[in-house]
Amino acid sequence: MSEQNWTVAEAKAKFSEVIESANARGPQTITKNGKLAAVVVSPEEWRQKTERVGTLADFFAASPLRNSGLKIRRARRAPRPIKL
């Protein structure tokens, strides 16, 4: 897979080709005034990059701080009064 660079003008003129290239050859970068403006990727690649891996509980269970002995100190008194 090879990434191809397009200017905004080229991408506008050949939008279907940009999409076909993203599906066949991988991400297609679009530049504006010489700076990266956008990247077009295939739906498959987008799903892979944005798919959630595991749950929040799994994340906390795998935390390096889990058995570190870190203690959080909390105030034992009642919450402060709030004027409404």
N, C-alpha and C. Protein backbone atom coordinates (compact mmCIF):
# COMPACT_ATOMS: atom_id res chain seq x y z
N MET A 1 0.83 -1.18 0.00
CA MET A 1 0.00 0.00 0.00
C MET A 1 0.87 1.24 0.00
N SER A 2 0.55 2.15 -0.87
CA SER A 2 1.34 3.38 -0.92
C SER A 2 0.43 4.58 -0.75
N GLU A 3 0.87 5.47 0.09
CA GLU A 3 0.12 6.69 0.34
C GLU A 3 0.40 7.67 -0.79
N GLN A 4 -0.63 8.37 -1.22
CA GLN A 4 -0.46 9.35 -2.29
C GLN A 4 -0.87 10.71 -1.76
N ASN A 5 -0.18 11.74 -2.21
CA ASN A 5 -0.47 13.11 -1.81
C ASN A 5 -1.24 13.82 -2.92
N TRP A 6 -2.25 14.57 -2.52
CA TRP A 6 -3.07 15.34 -3.44
C TRP A 6 -3.16 16.77 -2.92
N THR A 7 -3.25 17.73 -3.83
CA THR A 7 -3.58 19.09 -3.41
C THR A 7 -5.10 19.16 -3.30
N VAL A 8 -5.61 20.18 -2.65
CA VAL A 8 -7.06 20.33 -2.54
C VAL A 8 -7.70 20.42 -3.93
N ALA A 9 -7.08 21.17 -4.82
CA ALA A 9 -7.63 21.31 -6.18
C ALA A 9 -7.69 19.97 -6.89
N GLU A 10 -6.61 19.18 -6.80
CA GLU A 10 -6.59 17.85 -7.43
C GLU A 10 -7.65 16.94 -6.81
N ALA A 11 -7.74 16.97 -5.49
CA ALA A 11 -8.69 16.11 -4.79
C ALA A 11 -10.14 16.46 -5.17
N LYS A 12 -10.41 17.76 -5.32
CA LYS A 12 -11.76 18.18 -5.72
C LYS A 12 -12.07 17.71 -7.13
N ALA A 13 -11.10 17.86 -8.03
CA ALA A 13 -11.31 17.49 -9.43
C ALA A 13 -11.41 15.98 -9.63
N LYS A 14 -10.74 15.21 -8.76
CA LYS A 14 -10.68 13.76 -8.93
C LYS A 14 -11.13 13.05 -7.66
N PHE A 15 -12.22 13.54 -7.06
CA PHE A 15 -12.66 13.02 -5.78
C PHE A 15 -12.94 11.51 -5.81
N SER A 16 -13.59 11.03 -6.87
CA SER A 16 -13.87 9.59 -6.98
C SER A 16 -12.57 8.80 -7.02
N GLU A 17 -11.57 9.32 -7.71
CA GLU A 17 -10.27 8.63 -7.78
C GLU A 17 -9.58 8.61 -6.41
N VAL A 18 -9.72 9.69 -5.66
CA VAL A 18 -9.14 9.74 -4.30
C VAL A 18 -9.76 8.65 -3.45
N ILE A 19 -11.08 8.50 -3.51
CA ILE A 19 -11.77 7.48 -2.73
C ILE A 19 -11.35 6.09 -3.18
N GLU A 20 -11.30 5.85 -4.49
CA GLU A 20 -10.88 4.55 -5.01
C GLU A 20 -9.45 4.23 -4.58
N SER A 21 -8.57 5.22 -4.61
CA SER A 21 -7.19 5.02 -4.20
C SER A 21 -7.10 4.70 -2.71
N ALA A 22 -7.93 5.34 -1.90
CA ALA A 22 -7.93 5.06 -0.46
C ALA A 22 -8.36 3.63 -0.20
N ASN A 23 -9.33 3.14 -0.96
CA ASN A 23 -9.79 1.76 -0.79
C ASN A 23 -8.77 0.75 -1.30
N ALA A 24 -8.09 1.08 -2.39
CA ALA A 24 -7.17 0.12 -3.01
C ALA A 24 -5.74 0.21 -2.49
N ARG A 25 -5.25 1.44 -2.23
CA ARG A 25 -3.82 1.60 -1.92
C ARG A 25 -3.52 2.17 -0.54
N GLY A 26 -4.55 2.50 0.22
CA GLY A 26 -4.29 3.02 1.56
C GLY A 26 -4.57 4.51 1.68
N PRO A 27 -4.21 5.10 2.81
CA PRO A 27 -4.55 6.50 3.07
C PRO A 27 -4.06 7.46 1.99
N GLN A 28 -4.90 8.45 1.69
CA GLN A 28 -4.58 9.47 0.70
C GLN A 28 -4.56 10.81 1.43
N THR A 29 -3.43 11.50 1.36
CA THR A 29 -3.31 12.78 2.06
C THR A 29 -3.65 13.92 1.12
N ILE A 30 -4.29 14.93 1.69
CA ILE A 30 -4.67 16.12 0.94
C ILE A 30 -4.00 17.31 1.61
N THR A 31 -3.32 18.11 0.80
CA THR A 31 -2.61 19.27 1.35
C THR A 31 -3.24 20.57 0.85
N LYS A 32 -3.13 21.59 1.69
CA LYS A 32 -3.62 22.92 1.34
C LYS A 32 -2.50 23.89 1.68
N ASN A 33 -2.05 24.63 0.70
CA ASN A 33 -0.93 25.56 0.86
C ASN A 33 0.31 24.85 1.42
N GLY A 34 0.52 23.63 0.96
CA GLY A 34 1.71 22.87 1.36
C GLY A 34 1.63 22.22 2.73
N LYS A 35 0.50 22.38 3.42
CA LYS A 35 0.34 21.79 4.75
C LYS A 35 -0.74 20.71 4.72
N LEU A 36 -0.56 19.68 5.52
CA LEU A 36 -1.53 18.60 5.59
C LEU A 36 -2.89 19.15 6.01
N ALA A 37 -3.93 18.85 5.21
CA ALA A 37 -5.27 19.36 5.50
C ALA A 37 -6.24 18.24 5.85
N ALA A 38 -6.05 17.06 5.23
CA ALA A 38 -6.98 15.96 5.47
C ALA A 38 -6.34 14.65 5.02
N VAL A 39 -6.91 13.57 5.53
CA VAL A 39 -6.49 12.23 5.10
C VAL A 39 -7.76 11.44 4.81
N VAL A 40 -7.81 10.81 3.64
CA VAL A 40 -8.95 9.99 3.26
C VAL A 40 -8.51 8.54 3.42
N VAL A 41 -9.30 7.77 4.20
CA VAL A 41 -9.00 6.36 4.42
C VAL A 41 -10.22 5.53 4.05
N SER A 42 -10.00 4.24 3.85
CA SER A 42 -11.10 3.34 3.54
C SER A 42 -11.97 3.13 4.78
N PRO A 43 -13.22 2.76 4.58
CA PRO A 43 -14.09 2.49 5.74
C PRO A 43 -13.54 1.39 6.63
N GLU A 44 -12.93 0.40 6.04
CA GLU A 44 -12.33 -0.71 6.81
C GLU A 44 -11.23 -0.19 7.74
N GLU A 45 -10.34 0.62 7.21
CA GLU A 45 -9.26 1.17 8.03
C GLU A 45 -9.81 2.09 9.11
N TRP A 46 -10.82 2.87 8.79
CA TRP A 46 -11.43 3.77 9.78
C TRP A 46 -12.02 2.96 10.94
N ARG A 47 -12.73 1.86 10.61
CA ARG A 47 -13.30 0.99 11.65
C ARG A 47 -12.21 0.43 12.55
N GLN A 48 -11.11 -0.03 11.94
CA GLN A 48 -10.02 -0.60 12.73
C GLN A 48 -9.42 0.43 13.68
N LYS A 49 -9.27 1.65 13.22
CA LYS A 49 -8.62 2.68 14.03
C LYS A 49 -9.54 3.20 15.14
N THR A 50 -10.86 3.17 14.91
CA THR A 50 -11.78 3.75 15.89
C THR A 50 -12.50 2.71 16.74
N GLU A 51 -12.28 1.44 16.45
CA GLU A 51 -12.96 0.40 17.21
C GLU A 51 -12.47 0.38 18.66
N ARG A 52 -13.39 0.28 19.57
CA ARG A 52 -13.06 0.26 20.99
C ARG A 52 -12.45 -1.09 21.35
N VAL A 53 -11.35 -1.05 22.06
CA VAL A 53 -10.68 -2.27 22.49
C VAL A 53 -10.85 -2.39 24.00
N GLY A 54 -11.62 -3.37 24.42
CA GLY A 54 -11.83 -3.58 25.84
C GLY A 54 -12.82 -2.59 26.44
N THR A 55 -13.05 -2.76 27.74
CA THR A 55 -13.98 -1.91 28.45
C THR A 55 -13.21 -0.98 29.39
N LEU A 56 -13.89 -0.05 29.98
CA LEU A 56 -13.27 0.84 30.96
C LEU A 56 -12.76 0.03 32.15
N ALA A 57 -13.51 -0.98 32.54
CA ALA A 57 -13.08 -1.84 33.64
C ALA A 57 -11.77 -2.56 33.29
N ASP A 58 -11.63 -3.02 32.05
CA ASP A 58 -10.38 -3.66 31.60
C ASP A 58 -9.23 -2.67 31.68
N PHE A 59 -9.48 -1.43 31.27
CA PHE A 59 -8.45 -0.40 31.30
C PHE A 59 -7.94 -0.18 32.71
N PHE A 60 -8.86 -0.02 33.67
CA PHE A 60 -8.45 0.20 35.05
C PHE A 60 -7.78 -1.04 35.64
N ALA A 61 -8.24 -2.23 35.27
CA ALA A 61 -7.64 -3.46 35.78
C ALA A 61 -6.20 -3.61 35.30
N ALA A 62 -5.89 -3.09 34.11
CA ALA A 62 -4.54 -3.21 33.55
C ALA A 62 -3.66 -2.03 33.93
N SER A 63 -4.16 -1.10 34.73
CA SER A 63 -3.40 0.09 35.09
C SER A 63 -2.15 -0.26 35.88
N PRO A 64 -1.02 0.37 35.56
CA PRO A 64 0.20 0.12 36.33
C PRO A 64 0.10 0.66 37.76
N LEU A 65 -0.90 1.49 38.04
CA LEU A 65 -1.07 2.04 39.39
C LEU A 65 -1.93 1.15 40.28
N ARG A 66 -2.46 0.07 39.72
CA ARG A 66 -3.40 -0.78 40.45
C ARG A 66 -2.83 -1.27 41.78
N ASN A 67 -1.64 -1.78 41.80
CA ASN A 67 -1.04 -2.30 43.03
C ASN A 67 0.14 -1.45 43.47
N SER A 68 0.11 -0.18 43.18
CA SER A 68 1.24 0.70 43.48
C SER A 68 1.25 1.19 44.93
N GLY A 69 0.16 1.00 45.64
CA GLY A 69 0.09 1.49 47.01
C GLY A 69 -0.31 2.95 47.09
N LEU A 70 -0.65 3.55 45.97
CA LEU A 70 -1.06 4.95 45.93
C LEU A 70 -2.35 5.11 46.72
N LYS A 71 -2.36 6.05 47.64
CA LYS A 71 -3.54 6.30 48.48
C LYS A 71 -4.08 7.69 48.20
N ILE A 72 -5.39 7.80 48.16
CA ILE A 72 -6.03 9.08 47.97
C ILE A 72 -6.64 9.48 49.31
N ARG A 73 -6.30 10.66 49.77
CA ARG A 73 -6.83 11.14 51.04
C ARG A 73 -8.05 12.02 50.78
N ARG A 74 -9.12 11.70 51.44
CA ARG A 74 -10.35 12.45 51.29
C ARG A 74 -10.73 13.10 52.61
N ALA A 75 -11.34 14.25 52.54
CA ALA A 75 -11.82 14.94 53.74
C ALA A 75 -12.98 14.14 54.32
N ARG A 76 -12.97 13.93 55.61
CA ARG A 76 -14.02 13.15 56.26
C ARG A 76 -15.20 14.01 56.71
N ARG A 77 -15.03 15.32 56.67
CA ARG A 77 -16.10 16.20 57.14
C ARG A 77 -17.19 16.33 56.08
N ALA A 78 -18.30 16.91 56.48
CA ALA A 78 -19.44 17.09 55.58
C ALA A 78 -19.07 18.08 54.48
N PRO A 79 -19.78 18.03 53.38
CA PRO A 79 -19.50 18.98 52.29
C PRO A 79 -19.75 20.42 52.75
N ARG A 80 -19.05 21.35 52.13
CA ARG A 80 -19.22 22.75 52.49
C ARG A 80 -20.60 23.25 52.07
N PRO A 81 -21.15 24.21 52.80
CA PRO A 81 -22.47 24.74 52.43
C PRO A 81 -22.38 25.58 51.15
N ILE A 82 -23.42 25.50 50.38
CA ILE A 82 -23.49 26.25 49.11
C ILE A 82 -24.67 27.20 49.17
N LYS A 83 -24.46 28.45 48.83
CA LYS A 83 -25.54 29.43 48.79
C LYS A 83 -26.15 29.43 47.40
N LEU A 84 -27.45 29.27 47.35
CA LEU A 84 -28.16 29.27 46.07
C LEU A 84 -28.96 30.53 45.87
